[in-house]
Structures are given as structure tokens and as C-alpha cells.
């Protein structure tokens, strides 16, 4: 933050807090999500809310936004009692929220999506109003475009402009940079600093601690539903912030051993025609994956990541090309056959794809535990063996759950992600294709997942990591390529490239899909 921006932000604090929370609590069956939380957010402040998965952040902001009612405690907003019964009430008071997962209708235009959130708005003149707000904050949008045709960065602009048209006094942002290029992050931060300078307070949630240090002047840290600390993150290191969140020191992912020369997976000329709405075609994908290597695939969301994972797993039929595992072309093999040969995949979507929501963890272990289930008699499920494998995953990856019989949907997003990644890693695959391995996972869990991936590679497996987190790829990958509009760039050795260079390639992919 520049000195000028810091001065504008600090200057607003002479008016006192905008939002005050007093001993706010919320419990669910078996879980105390928020436990007597007290905190305040000043006028014109950019205030971070930090905590592990399950620390209570989501429940807290849902209470502020009127999506959840607290069991006890009170709130005041702009000097008056505040107890929104629904989001409309919160918006009327001046609270707006940009969710981590965009709440947009792809089959509607930008104007139509924004109109839905504006009380008593009229379609006439809405396009001009959108353009005026967007241009004022350098968030260029075309009101008549279909949201389904927009890139991830453009969709976030729609969400932000929609909030700005409500003239918010408090803007809540949940993981806003998870799908943005470094250049787009810089642009977003410029917008947020300007908003703070003009009097809007911002409550900022992110697992990217370096972003917190760059952007925020205040931080409240939650742990197990309670406020455990507060600080000026600009005066702390990322490691110190992480340790405040988890209550202990966090190890880094570690360094990899030198990769080996043996090619485990060779993909040549792979193309896929996707007939699904808003799907992406893959065109002439080529790469080699070596034993002991982590190959990172960067790119803006919606450029073919899911299609590439589906083509490699066997879930999506390809139009042409080869996928050779140990020299054997498996392109016509089913997903289960590929898994038996040692090619495992972990998709991005947790519930409904990687896991069945209402099945227990033991049952979900059985669904894809191909390599570990070989010990069961043919045609008979060895439940004792399956439960033991599920227990190994829970203990090995510190999955916070009531036990192996807990339903998948009962776990927090981060804990379910640890379970699903652990399920694949503990099978010791020859090749692992993992899509967004630490999506929505806190700093401690993310470090654990990355360490496990590195250890798997060091043991001789080849790993393809598809991720929108560029810092993650730069930390663990040996080489990085960029997926752009269904085409894969040549790979670059991580040691010979930079965040900026990869970010520019990602930005080019966004331009190609706009």
C-alpha cells in the first residue's frame, strides 16, 4: 500500500468503528461454529479475517450478511443496532458481499444478473449505470454480454460492480483472488484501496497471507470459533500469521529431489470436442511426465482444466491422440482400468464428483481405492480392510472428523479435501493427476498437502498438478506449462521462469477466451 493510500485509510478511523460484534455465537449439532466473538471494523479500513478451515469465518460473515441468525450476542452497524434477518436487510443497511463461488446465472446477461440484486431497479438505463460504475473503477464490462461467455476475471468484475451499485458501507470479500492472474490481483487491490480511501470498509478473507500483508492494515484471527489474536499484518511475516491461525509452527513444503529420466506418461496430439454447455475443446495437447517429477499446469479457470483432467482419467472421450502409460496407450481404457494400471486422478469438484455427499468416508474410500482394495476377495467387499484404509487417511492427513462413518458432506471443505487427496496419495500411484489440490484449504493444510505431493514424487511417482494458485505451482513444480483456450503451452523449468512471466501467459489465455 502506498503512503497516500495508508493515510486515506487511517484518516477514516477518527469516526470510530463501522461494525461492532459483541459476543456473537452460533452452534450447529455437535459443533460450536462461533463462540462469543467480539471484534470491530473501522470506517475506511481494509480488515482481514483469518483462520483455518472450520475456524468459524464463513459462519461469522453469514451472520453479518443475514444468511445465518446468531444464537446469542449482538451487532451494531454505523452506530445502530444491527440484526439482519436476510441478505436484503443487510444490503439495505449498506453491507455487500462477493462470495468465493460466483453467484451468477450463466444464461443471463451482465445487466440481467446485476438487476436481480437491485431493489426496485428498472431495466431501462441499467446498462448505462453499469458502464458508469465500471469505468469509474477501471472494471471494464460490456453489460450486454452473456455471463457464460465471460472469463473468471470478468465474472468477478460483475460481482464487484453489482456490489458497488448498492453503494455499500461495508464490502465483504471471500477469497477474491483465487481465480485471478497476478496482473488482475494488482488491479483488484487498486480498486479496493480506492474504495477504502472513499470511505468504504472492506472485510477481506483469504488464505494467501502475502496478499493480506500487502493489502490489510488490521487482522482478526479466529481459531476453533474464537478470537485468539489481532494484529497489523504489515508488521508480521506470513509464517507468523500462519502460526497465529493454527497455534503452532508450520513447516514448509520442502525441496524435491532431482527428477528422474524415465517417462511414465506421454500425451501426444490429444484433442477433445466438448459438447457440454460452456465446455472447452482441447486441441493437440502434448507433454511428457517423468518419474519423480511434478509438472504444473497453470491457467485461468475455464480454459480446459476440467476437460484435461477428464481426458486423462478416462471420464471424457477424446477425439484423437495418445495417452501412453509406461509405453502402453490407455486412451481407450475405462477410468477403472486406468486406475488399476496406476493412473489415479483427483478432480476439482469435491462433492458429487470426488465424493458422494451422503456416503460415509469408508464407503467413499471404497469408491476409488482401486490399488488398496486388491487385498479384498474377488467380488466381496472387505469392510474391515476398507475401514482401516479410511482410518489411515484420517490419521495420516489430520482429517478433523467424528470417524470413518461420518458422511462426506459433514466435513468442512478443507477437511474433505485433505481426505480426498490422501485417499489417492496413500495408494502410491504411478501417475497422479490432481486438479486444484489446495482449493479453499487453509495454510497449514495446504502445506501438508504440498509436502505429501513432494514426498510422493520423491518416491518415484509422476504428478500432474492443475492449479490456479500460481504461488503453489512455483513452490512445488519442476516445470510449468499454461493451459489457454484448450491449448497447452510448452513447459518452462520453474527455476528459469518467474511469477510475472507465467502470469502474462495466463492473461493471454484470458484474452483468447474473451
Protein backbone atom coordinates (compact mmCIF):
# COMPACT_ATOMS: atom_id res chain seq x y z
CA UNK A 1 0.00 0.00 0.00
CA UNK A 2 1.30 3.44 -0.86
CA UNK A 3 1.73 6.10 1.84
CA UNK A 4 -1.13 8.06 0.30
CA UNK A 5 -3.47 5.08 0.44
CA UNK A 6 -2.42 4.28 4.01
CA UNK A 7 -3.08 7.87 5.03
CA UNK A 8 -6.56 7.86 3.49
CA UNK A 9 -7.42 4.56 5.16
CA UNK A 10 -6.15 5.63 8.59
CA UNK A 11 -7.80 9.03 8.32
CA UNK A 12 -11.28 7.48 8.34
CA UNK A 13 -10.76 5.94 11.75
CA UNK A 14 -11.44 9.16 13.61
CA UNK A 15 -15.15 8.34 13.19
CA UNK A 16 -14.86 5.12 15.19
CA UNK A 17 -15.99 1.61 14.31
CA UNK A 18 -18.43 0.97 11.48
CA UNK A 19 -19.31 -2.57 12.61
CA UNK A 20 -19.16 -3.90 16.17
CA UNK A 21 -19.74 -7.53 17.15
CA UNK A 22 -20.36 -8.35 20.79
CA UNK A 23 -20.02 -11.97 21.99
CA UNK A 24 -21.59 -13.37 18.82
CA UNK A 25 -22.21 -17.14 19.00
CA UNK A 26 -23.62 -19.78 16.69
CA UNK A 27 -23.78 -23.54 17.23
CA UNK A 28 -24.76 -26.43 14.98
CA UNK A 29 -25.34 -30.02 16.13
CA UNK A 30 -22.05 -31.14 17.63
CA UNK A 31 -20.16 -28.00 16.53
CA UNK A 32 -19.70 -24.58 18.15
CA UNK A 33 -19.03 -22.66 14.95
CA UNK A 34 -18.65 -19.23 16.59
CA UNK A 35 -18.01 -18.81 20.31
CA UNK A 36 -18.58 -15.34 21.79
CA UNK A 37 -16.80 -13.47 19.01
CA UNK A 38 -16.19 -9.79 19.66
CA UNK A 39 -14.47 -7.57 17.10
CA UNK A 40 -14.89 -4.28 15.28
CA UNK A 41 -14.19 -2.89 11.83
CA UNK A 42 -13.35 0.77 11.46
CA UNK A 43 -14.60 3.18 8.84
CA UNK A 44 -12.43 3.07 5.68
CA UNK A 45 -10.48 0.05 6.97
CA UNK A 46 -9.32 -2.96 4.96
CA UNK A 47 -9.64 -5.59 7.68
CA UNK A 48 -8.54 -9.22 7.28
CA UNK A 49 -10.40 -12.17 8.82
CA UNK A 50 -8.00 -15.12 9.18
CA UNK A 51 -8.35 -18.68 10.38
CA UNK A 52 -8.04 -22.34 9.45
CA UNK A 53 -10.80 -24.21 7.67
CA UNK A 54 -13.53 -24.69 10.25
CA UNK A 55 -12.36 -21.73 12.39
CA UNK A 56 -15.75 -20.01 12.01
CA UNK A 57 -15.05 -17.42 9.30
CA UNK A 58 -17.85 -18.45 6.96
CA UNK A 59 -20.43 -18.65 9.73
CA UNK A 60 -19.38 -15.24 11.04
CA UNK A 61 -19.72 -13.41 7.72
CA UNK A 62 -23.01 -15.19 7.05
CA UNK A 63 -24.35 -13.73 10.30
CA UNK A 64 -23.17 -10.27 9.26
CA UNK A 65 -24.80 -10.67 5.83
CA UNK A 66 -28.11 -12.04 7.17
CA UNK A 67 -27.76 -15.59 5.87
CA UNK A 68 -27.49 -17.08 9.38
CA UNK A 69 -29.03 -15.89 12.63
CA UNK A 70 -26.78 -15.89 15.72
CA UNK A 71 -27.82 -17.85 18.81
CA UNK A 72 -26.65 -15.08 21.10
CA UNK A 73 -24.73 -11.82 21.10
CA UNK A 74 -25.36 -8.56 19.29
CA UNK A 75 -24.18 -6.40 16.41
CA UNK A 76 -24.23 -2.68 15.73
CA UNK A 77 -23.68 -1.06 12.35
CA UNK A 78 -22.94 2.60 11.83
CA UNK A 79 -24.00 3.32 15.41
CA UNK A 80 -27.34 1.50 15.31
CA UNK A 81 -28.45 -1.97 16.41
CA UNK A 82 -27.99 -4.45 13.56
CA UNK A 83 -29.67 -7.86 13.29
CA UNK A 84 -30.37 -8.62 9.60
CA UNK A 85 -32.93 -11.38 9.12
CA UNK A 86 -31.99 -11.84 5.46
CA UNK A 87 -29.41 -10.55 2.94
CA UNK A 88 -31.85 -7.95 1.62
CA UNK A 89 -31.94 -6.36 5.07
CA UNK A 90 -28.14 -6.34 5.26
CA UNK A 91 -27.87 -4.80 1.78
CA UNK A 92 -30.37 -2.10 2.71
CA UNK A 93 -28.18 -1.20 5.70
CA UNK A 94 -25.09 -0.98 3.49
CA UNK A 95 -23.48 -4.44 3.60
CA UNK A 96 -22.48 -6.14 0.33
CA UNK A 97 -20.68 -9.44 -0.23
CA UNK A 98 -18.65 -11.03 -3.02
CA UNK A 99 -18.71 -14.79 -2.47
CA UNK A 100 -15.82 -17.16 -3.22
CA UNK A 101 -18.00 -19.09 -5.65
CA UNK A 102 -19.68 -16.66 -8.01
CA UNK A 103 -23.46 -16.43 -7.64
CA UNK A 104 -24.19 -15.61 -11.27
CA UNK A 105 -26.58 -17.07 -13.84
CA UNK A 106 -24.58 -18.05 -16.93
CA UNK A 107 -27.62 -17.94 -19.23
CA UNK A 108 -28.33 -14.27 -18.36
CA UNK A 109 -26.53 -11.12 -19.46
CA UNK A 110 -24.37 -8.97 -17.22
CA UNK A 111 -27.19 -6.43 -16.94
CA UNK A 112 -29.78 -9.06 -16.06
CA UNK A 113 -27.57 -10.58 -13.36
CA UNK A 114 -26.92 -7.21 -11.75
CA UNK A 115 -30.58 -6.21 -11.99
CA UNK A 116 -31.60 -9.23 -9.89
CA UNK A 117 -29.75 -7.88 -6.84
CA UNK A 118 -31.02 -4.30 -7.03
CA UNK A 119 -34.20 -3.50 -5.15
CA UNK A 120 -36.87 -1.73 -7.24
CA UNK A 121 -34.46 -1.43 -10.18
CA UNK A 122 -35.67 -0.89 -13.73
CA UNK A 123 -34.12 -2.41 -16.84
CA UNK A 124 -34.26 0.95 -18.59
CA UNK A 125 -30.98 2.72 -18.13
CA UNK A 126 -29.31 -0.17 -16.28
CA UNK A 127 -26.63 -0.64 -18.96
CA UNK A 128 -25.56 3.00 -18.72
CA UNK A 129 -25.42 2.80 -14.93
CA UNK A 130 -23.26 -0.34 -15.10
CA UNK A 131 -20.88 1.26 -17.58
CA UNK A 132 -20.61 4.37 -15.42
CA UNK A 133 -19.66 2.46 -12.26
CA UNK A 134 -17.39 0.04 -14.12
CA UNK A 135 -15.47 2.76 -15.92
CA UNK A 136 -15.15 4.84 -12.75
CA UNK A 137 -13.30 1.98 -11.05
CA UNK A 138 -11.49 0.67 -14.16
CA UNK A 139 -13.54 -2.54 -14.12
CA UNK A 140 -14.44 -2.66 -17.78
CA UNK A 141 -17.59 -4.63 -18.58
CA UNK A 142 -19.97 -4.97 -21.50
CA UNK A 143 -23.49 -5.07 -19.99
CA UNK A 144 -24.99 -6.98 -22.92
CA UNK A 145 -22.61 -9.96 -22.83
CA UNK A 146 -23.77 -13.36 -21.60
CA UNK A 147 -22.13 -14.27 -18.29
CA UNK A 148 -21.49 -17.79 -19.64
CA UNK A 149 -19.10 -16.26 -22.20
CA UNK A 150 -17.06 -14.33 -19.62
CA UNK A 151 -13.70 -15.31 -18.16
CA UNK A 152 -13.32 -15.84 -14.42
CA UNK A 153 -11.75 -12.40 -14.00
CA UNK A 154 -14.60 -10.75 -15.87
CA UNK A 155 -17.18 -12.58 -13.77
CA UNK A 156 -15.55 -11.24 -10.64
CA UNK A 157 -15.86 -7.74 -12.08
CA UNK A 158 -19.59 -8.37 -12.47
CA UNK A 159 -19.81 -9.36 -8.79
CA UNK A 160 -17.88 -6.28 -7.67
CA UNK A 161 -19.82 -3.86 -9.87
CA UNK A 162 -23.07 -5.41 -8.63
CA UNK A 163 -21.96 -4.67 -5.07
CA UNK A 164 -20.77 -1.16 -5.87
CA UNK A 165 -24.14 -0.28 -7.39
CA UNK A 166 -25.63 -0.92 -3.94
CA UNK A 167 -23.40 1.88 -2.51
CA UNK A 168 -22.06 -0.33 0.30
CA UNK A 169 -20.56 0.96 3.52
CA UNK A 170 -19.05 -2.50 4.15
CA UNK A 171 -17.85 -4.84 1.41
CA UNK A 172 -17.14 -8.46 2.40
CA UNK A 173 -14.81 -10.36 0.05
CA UNK A 174 -14.28 -14.13 0.39
CA UNK A 175 -11.16 -15.48 -1.37
CA UNK A 176 -11.45 -12.88 -4.16
CA UNK A 177 -8.14 -13.62 -5.92
CA UNK A 178 -8.38 -17.40 -6.23
CA UNK A 179 -9.09 -17.29 -9.99
CA UNK A 180 -7.12 -14.17 -10.96
CA UNK A 181 -3.80 -13.63 -12.68
CA UNK A 182 -1.13 -11.62 -10.81
CA UNK A 183 -1.91 -8.65 -13.03
CA UNK A 184 -5.62 -8.87 -12.19
CA UNK A 185 -4.78 -9.09 -8.49
CA UNK A 186 -2.83 -5.83 -8.73
CA UNK A 187 -5.81 -4.21 -10.46
CA UNK A 188 -8.24 -5.50 -7.82
CA UNK A 189 -6.06 -4.20 -5.00
CA UNK A 190 -6.00 -0.78 -6.64
CA UNK A 191 -9.81 -0.80 -6.71
CA UNK A 192 -10.08 -1.87 -3.07
CA UNK A 193 -7.63 0.81 -1.91
CA UNK A 194 -9.60 3.45 -3.77
CA UNK A 195 -12.85 2.26 -2.18
CA UNK A 196 -11.28 2.42 1.28
CA UNK A 197 -9.98 5.89 0.53
CA UNK A 198 -13.52 6.95 -0.38
CA UNK A 199 -14.95 5.63 2.89
CA UNK A 200 -15.96 2.02 2.22
CA UNK A 201 -14.79 -0.55 4.78
CA UNK A 202 -13.67 -3.95 3.50
CA UNK A 203 -13.67 -7.27 5.34
CA UNK A 204 -11.19 -9.42 3.43
CA UNK A 205 -10.94 -13.23 3.76
CA UNK A 206 -8.03 -15.04 2.13
CA UNK A 207 -5.66 -17.95 2.74
CA UNK A 208 -3.00 -16.08 0.74
CA UNK A 209 -1.11 -14.49 3.58
CA UNK A 210 1.28 -12.43 1.47
CA UNK A 211 -1.79 -10.73 -0.02
CA UNK A 212 -3.05 -9.99 3.49
CA UNK A 213 0.29 -8.43 4.39
CA UNK A 214 0.26 -6.28 1.27
CA UNK A 215 -3.34 -5.08 1.45
CA UNK A 216 -4.65 -5.05 5.02
CA UNK A 217 -3.83 -2.82 8.00
CA UNK A 218 -5.82 -4.84 10.55
CA UNK A 219 -6.45 -8.54 11.07
CA UNK A 220 -8.61 -10.61 13.41
CA UNK A 221 -7.56 -14.24 13.83
CA UNK A 222 -10.07 -16.99 14.63
CA UNK A 223 -9.31 -20.47 15.92
CA UNK A 224 -11.96 -23.08 16.71
CA UNK A 225 -14.69 -20.45 16.67
CA UNK A 226 -12.95 -17.97 18.99
CA UNK A 227 -10.97 -14.77 18.52
CA UNK A 228 -7.42 -15.67 19.54
CA UNK A 229 -5.44 -12.66 18.31
CA UNK A 230 -5.42 -9.43 16.34
CA UNK A 231 -2.57 -7.60 14.65
CA UNK A 232 -1.38 -5.28 11.93
CA UNK A 233 -0.39 -7.89 9.30
CA UNK A 234 2.06 -5.45 7.71
CA UNK A 235 4.19 -5.88 10.84
CA UNK A 236 4.10 -9.71 10.74
CA UNK A 237 5.62 -12.31 8.44
CA UNK A 238 3.40 -14.78 6.61
CA UNK A 239 4.82 -17.52 8.84
CA UNK A 240 3.87 -15.58 11.98
CA UNK A 241 0.32 -15.06 10.69
CA UNK A 242 0.00 -18.76 9.91
CA UNK A 243 1.26 -19.72 13.36
CA UNK A 244 -1.29 -17.41 14.99
CA UNK A 245 -4.01 -19.17 12.98
CA UNK A 246 -3.06 -22.74 13.90
CA UNK A 247 -1.37 -22.23 17.28
CA UNK A 248 1.83 -23.98 16.24
CA UNK A 249 4.67 -23.62 13.75
CA UNK A 250 4.05 -24.59 10.14
CA UNK A 251 6.63 -26.48 8.13
CA UNK A 252 7.25 -25.57 4.53
CA UNK A 253 6.58 -27.95 1.67
CA UNK A 254 10.27 -28.81 1.44
CA UNK A 255 12.52 -29.28 -1.56
CA UNK A 256 12.28 -32.05 -4.12
CA UNK A 257 14.97 -34.47 -5.11
CA UNK A 258 16.24 -34.36 -8.66
CA UNK A 259 13.69 -35.77 -11.11
CA UNK A 260 14.46 -38.96 -12.97
CA UNK A 261 14.70 -39.51 -16.72
CA UNK A 262 12.17 -42.33 -17.08
CA UNK A 263 8.95 -41.22 -18.83
CA UNK A 264 5.86 -42.52 -17.04
CA UNK A 265 3.16 -40.71 -19.01
CA UNK A 266 3.35 -39.45 -22.59
CA UNK A 267 0.44 -37.47 -24.07
CA UNK A 268 0.66 -36.80 -27.81
CA UNK A 269 -1.78 -34.95 -30.06
CA UNK A 270 -4.64 -35.29 -27.59
CA UNK A 271 -7.77 -33.46 -28.72
CA UNK A 272 -11.27 -33.42 -27.29
CA UNK A 273 -14.53 -31.96 -28.57
CA UNK A 274 -16.72 -30.93 -25.64
CA UNK A 275 -20.42 -30.73 -26.44
CA UNK A 276 -21.39 -29.62 -22.91
CA UNK A 277 -22.74 -26.05 -22.49
CA UNK A 278 -19.83 -23.66 -21.92
CA UNK A 279 -17.41 -26.58 -22.30
CA UNK A 280 -13.91 -26.13 -23.73
CA UNK A 281 -12.36 -28.12 -26.56
CA UNK A 282 -8.84 -29.47 -26.12
CA UNK A 283 -6.57 -29.13 -29.11
CA UNK A 284 -3.31 -31.02 -29.74
CA UNK A 285 -2.15 -31.44 -26.13
CA UNK A 286 1.43 -32.72 -25.87
CA UNK A 287 3.62 -33.37 -22.81
CA UNK A 288 5.84 -35.95 -21.11
CA UNK A 289 5.72 -36.66 -17.38
CA UNK A 290 8.80 -38.22 -15.81
CA UNK A 291 9.23 -40.40 -12.75
CA UNK A 292 9.87 -38.22 -9.71
CA UNK A 293 8.60 -35.08 -11.45
CA UNK A 294 5.84 -32.60 -10.65
CA UNK A 295 4.56 -30.89 -13.81
CA UNK A 296 2.42 -27.84 -13.05
CA UNK A 297 -0.43 -26.71 -15.31
CA UNK A 298 -1.36 -23.06 -14.76
CA UNK A 299 -4.24 -21.14 -16.27
CA UNK A 300 -7.34 -19.08 -15.67
CA UNK A 301 -10.42 -21.13 -14.73
CA UNK A 302 -12.47 -22.23 -17.72
CA UNK A 303 -9.60 -22.79 -20.14
CA UNK A 304 -9.92 -26.59 -20.26
CA UNK A 305 -8.66 -27.70 -16.83
CA UNK A 306 -11.63 -29.96 -16.11
CA UNK A 307 -11.55 -31.32 -19.66
CA UNK A 308 -7.85 -32.20 -19.39
CA UNK A 309 -8.40 -34.00 -16.09
CA UNK A 310 -11.40 -35.84 -17.58
CA UNK A 311 -9.50 -36.86 -20.69
CA UNK A 312 -6.58 -38.24 -18.65
CA UNK A 313 -8.84 -40.07 -16.19
CA UNK A 314 -10.93 -41.65 -18.96
CA UNK A 315 -14.14 -39.88 -17.93
CA UNK A 316 -14.33 -37.89 -21.17
CA UNK A 317 -13.86 -39.47 -24.62
CA UNK A 318 -11.15 -37.87 -26.73
CA UNK A 319 -11.34 -37.17 -30.44
CA UNK A 320 -7.77 -38.13 -31.24
CA UNK A 321 -4.32 -38.58 -29.78
CA UNK A 322 -2.47 -40.91 -27.46
CA UNK A 323 -2.08 -41.28 -23.69
CA UNK A 324 0.74 -43.72 -23.01
CA UNK A 325 1.34 -45.13 -19.53
CA UNK A 326 4.69 -46.98 -19.43
CA UNK A 327 4.54 -47.05 -23.22
CA UNK A 328 1.06 -48.62 -23.35
CA UNK A 329 -1.63 -46.48 -24.98
CA UNK A 330 -4.53 -46.32 -22.50
CA UNK A 331 -6.61 -43.81 -24.45
CA UNK A 332 -9.43 -46.32 -24.99
CA UNK A 333 -9.27 -47.76 -21.47
CA UNK A 334 -12.02 -47.04 -18.96
CA UNK A 335 -11.37 -44.98 -15.81
CA UNK A 336 -11.34 -48.10 -13.64
CA UNK A 337 -8.87 -49.85 -15.95
CA UNK A 338 -6.53 -46.85 -15.90
CA UNK A 339 -6.71 -46.76 -12.10
CA UNK A 340 -5.77 -50.43 -11.88
CA UNK A 341 -2.73 -49.68 -14.04
CA UNK A 342 -1.70 -46.94 -11.60
CA UNK A 343 -3.05 -43.72 -13.19
CA UNK A 344 -5.13 -42.01 -10.47
CA UNK A 345 -6.87 -38.66 -10.62
CA UNK A 346 -8.36 -36.26 -8.05
CA UNK A 347 -10.92 -33.88 -9.61
CA UNK A 348 -11.61 -30.30 -8.51
CA UNK A 349 -15.24 -30.77 -7.51
CA UNK A 350 -15.30 -32.44 -4.11
CA UNK A 351 -18.92 -33.30 -3.50
CA UNK A 352 -20.68 -35.09 -6.32
CA UNK A 353 -17.53 -35.91 -8.29
CA UNK A 354 -14.65 -36.84 -5.99
CA UNK A 355 -17.01 -37.94 -3.20
CA UNK A 356 -20.62 -38.99 -2.79
CA UNK A 357 -22.06 -36.50 -0.27
CA UNK A 358 -24.30 -38.86 1.71
CA UNK A 359 -21.96 -41.84 1.76
CA UNK A 360 -19.64 -42.41 4.72
CA UNK A 361 -15.91 -41.87 4.47
CA UNK A 362 -15.45 -45.64 4.48
CA UNK A 363 -17.84 -46.00 1.53
CA UNK A 364 -16.15 -43.15 -0.31
CA UNK A 365 -12.80 -44.85 0.26
CA UNK A 366 -14.14 -47.96 -1.45
CA UNK A 367 -15.35 -45.98 -4.48
CA UNK A 368 -11.87 -45.16 -5.74
CA UNK A 369 -9.47 -47.16 -3.56
CA UNK A 370 -8.60 -49.38 -6.52
CA UNK A 371 -4.97 -50.03 -5.68
CA UNK A 372 -5.57 -50.61 -1.97
CA UNK A 373 -8.67 -52.77 -2.46
CA UNK A 374 -6.75 -55.51 -4.29
CA UNK A 375 -6.44 -57.36 -0.98
CA UNK A 376 -10.21 -57.91 -0.79
CA UNK A 377 -11.51 -61.27 -2.09
CA UNK A 378 -12.81 -61.00 -5.65
CA UNK A 379 -16.40 -59.83 -5.68
CA UNK A 380 -16.58 -59.42 -1.89
CA UNK A 381 -16.08 -56.15 -0.05
CA UNK A 382 -13.60 -56.49 2.81
CA UNK A 383 -15.11 -53.79 5.04
CA UNK A 384 -12.55 -54.28 7.78
CA UNK A 385 -9.74 -53.60 5.32
CA UNK A 386 -11.67 -50.64 3.84
CA UNK A 387 -12.26 -49.06 7.25
CA UNK A 388 -8.58 -49.50 8.08
CA UNK A 389 -7.64 -47.67 4.88
CA UNK A 390 -10.10 -44.86 5.72
CA UNK A 391 -8.57 -44.64 9.20
CA UNK A 392 -5.08 -44.42 7.67
CA UNK A 393 -6.21 -41.45 5.57
CA UNK A 394 -7.82 -39.67 8.51
CA UNK A 395 -4.77 -40.12 10.74
CA UNK A 396 -2.15 -39.53 8.05
CA UNK A 397 -3.71 -36.31 6.79
CA UNK A 398 -5.10 -34.93 10.06
CA UNK A 399 -8.70 -35.01 8.84
CA UNK A 400 -10.95 -33.46 11.50
CA UNK A 401 -13.99 -35.74 11.61
CA UNK A 402 -16.04 -37.81 14.04
CA UNK A 403 -14.85 -41.03 12.41
CA UNK A 404 -14.90 -43.27 9.35
CA UNK A 405 -18.71 -43.49 9.38
CA UNK A 406 -19.19 -39.71 9.06
CA UNK A 407 -20.90 -38.64 5.85
CA UNK A 408 -18.68 -36.81 3.36
CA UNK A 409 -20.96 -33.76 3.40
CA UNK A 410 -20.47 -33.39 7.18
CA UNK A 411 -16.80 -32.42 6.74
CA UNK A 412 -15.66 -28.85 6.16
CA UNK A 413 -14.35 -28.16 2.67
CA UNK A 414 -10.74 -28.21 3.78
CA UNK A 415 -11.03 -31.44 5.74
CA UNK A 416 -12.84 -33.19 2.90
CA UNK A 417 -10.11 -32.03 0.53
CA UNK A 418 -7.42 -33.50 2.80
CA UNK A 419 -9.31 -36.79 2.91
CA UNK A 420 -9.75 -36.98 -0.87
CA UNK A 421 -6.13 -36.08 -1.65
CA UNK A 422 -4.94 -38.52 1.00
CA UNK A 423 -7.10 -41.28 -0.49
CA UNK A 424 -5.20 -41.00 -3.77
CA UNK A 425 -1.69 -40.40 -2.36
CA UNK A 426 -1.78 -43.35 0.06
CA UNK A 427 -2.44 -45.70 -2.87
CA UNK A 428 1.06 -44.78 -4.14
CA UNK A 429 0.06 -44.37 -7.79
CA UNK A 430 2.48 -44.47 -10.69
CA UNK A 431 0.91 -41.25 -12.00
CA UNK A 432 -1.34 -38.83 -10.10
CA UNK A 433 -3.33 -36.11 -11.86
CA UNK A 434 -4.71 -33.67 -9.29
CA UNK A 435 -6.92 -30.69 -10.08
CA UNK A 436 -6.77 -27.75 -7.60
CA UNK A 437 -5.19 -29.72 -4.73
CA UNK A 438 -5.45 -26.96 -2.10
CA UNK A 439 -8.58 -25.11 -3.27
CA UNK A 440 -10.14 -23.43 -0.21
CA UNK A 441 -7.68 -25.12 2.15
CA UNK A 442 -6.03 -23.18 4.99
CA UNK A 443 -2.29 -22.51 5.18
CA UNK A 444 -1.48 -25.42 7.50
CA UNK A 445 -3.47 -27.97 5.49
CA UNK A 446 -2.14 -26.62 2.19
CA UNK A 447 1.44 -27.04 3.39
CA UNK A 448 0.66 -30.62 4.45
CA UNK A 449 -0.88 -31.48 1.06
CA UNK A 450 2.07 -30.00 -0.81
CA UNK A 451 4.56 -31.89 1.36
CA UNK A 452 2.69 -35.12 0.64
CA UNK A 453 2.78 -34.46 -3.12
CA UNK A 454 6.52 -33.80 -2.99
CA UNK A 455 7.12 -36.96 -0.95
CA UNK A 456 5.10 -38.97 -3.47
CA UNK A 457 7.21 -37.59 -6.31
CA UNK A 458 10.41 -38.28 -4.38
CA UNK A 459 9.27 -41.90 -4.11
CA UNK A 460 9.20 -42.11 -7.91
CA UNK A 461 5.66 -41.19 -8.94
CA UNK A 462 4.91 -38.65 -11.66
CA UNK A 463 2.47 -35.92 -10.66
CA UNK A 464 0.49 -33.53 -12.84
CA UNK A 465 -0.81 -30.62 -10.75
CA UNK A 466 -3.51 -28.45 -12.32
CA UNK A 467 -3.85 -25.31 -10.21
CA UNK A 468 -4.98 -21.70 -10.39
CA UNK A 469 -2.65 -20.92 -7.48
CA UNK A 470 0.50 -19.75 -9.23
CA UNK A 471 2.47 -19.46 -5.99
CA UNK A 472 1.66 -23.12 -5.30
CA UNK A 473 2.93 -24.23 -8.70
CA UNK A 474 6.12 -22.20 -8.38
CA UNK A 475 6.73 -23.78 -4.96
CA UNK A 476 6.35 -27.47 -5.84
CA UNK A 477 6.69 -27.89 -9.63
CA UNK A 478 9.76 -28.85 -11.63
CA UNK A 479 8.22 -27.48 -14.83
CA UNK A 480 5.19 -25.28 -15.56
CA UNK A 481 3.01 -25.00 -18.67
CA UNK A 482 -0.06 -22.81 -19.24
CA UNK A 483 -3.41 -24.08 -20.48
CA UNK A 484 -5.00 -21.44 -22.71
CA UNK A 485 -8.34 -21.91 -24.50
CA UNK A 486 -7.77 -25.66 -24.60
CA UNK A 487 -4.18 -25.44 -25.83
CA UNK A 488 -1.12 -26.22 -23.73
CA UNK A 489 1.99 -24.07 -23.98
CA UNK A 490 5.48 -25.51 -23.93
CA UNK A 491 6.66 -26.18 -20.41
CA UNK A 492 9.23 -23.95 -18.71
CA UNK A 493 11.62 -25.09 -15.97
CA UNK A 494 10.42 -23.48 -12.76
CA UNK A 495 13.95 -22.37 -11.92
CA UNK A 496 14.12 -20.43 -15.20
CA UNK A 497 10.79 -18.60 -15.09
CA UNK A 498 9.01 -16.09 -12.86
CA UNK A 499 5.57 -15.37 -11.47
CA UNK A 500 5.27 -12.40 -13.82
CA UNK A 501 6.16 -14.41 -16.94
CA UNK A 502 3.64 -17.15 -16.15
CA UNK A 503 1.06 -14.53 -15.20
CA UNK A 504 1.41 -12.89 -18.61
CA UNK A 505 0.81 -16.24 -20.33
CA UNK A 506 -2.29 -16.70 -18.16
CA UNK A 507 -3.50 -13.22 -19.08
CA UNK A 508 -3.08 -14.07 -22.75
CA UNK A 509 -5.33 -17.09 -22.16
CA UNK A 510 -7.99 -14.81 -20.71
CA UNK A 511 -7.81 -12.52 -23.74
CA UNK A 512 -8.17 -15.55 -26.01
CA UNK A 513 -11.42 -16.61 -24.33
CA UNK A 514 -12.94 -13.13 -24.02
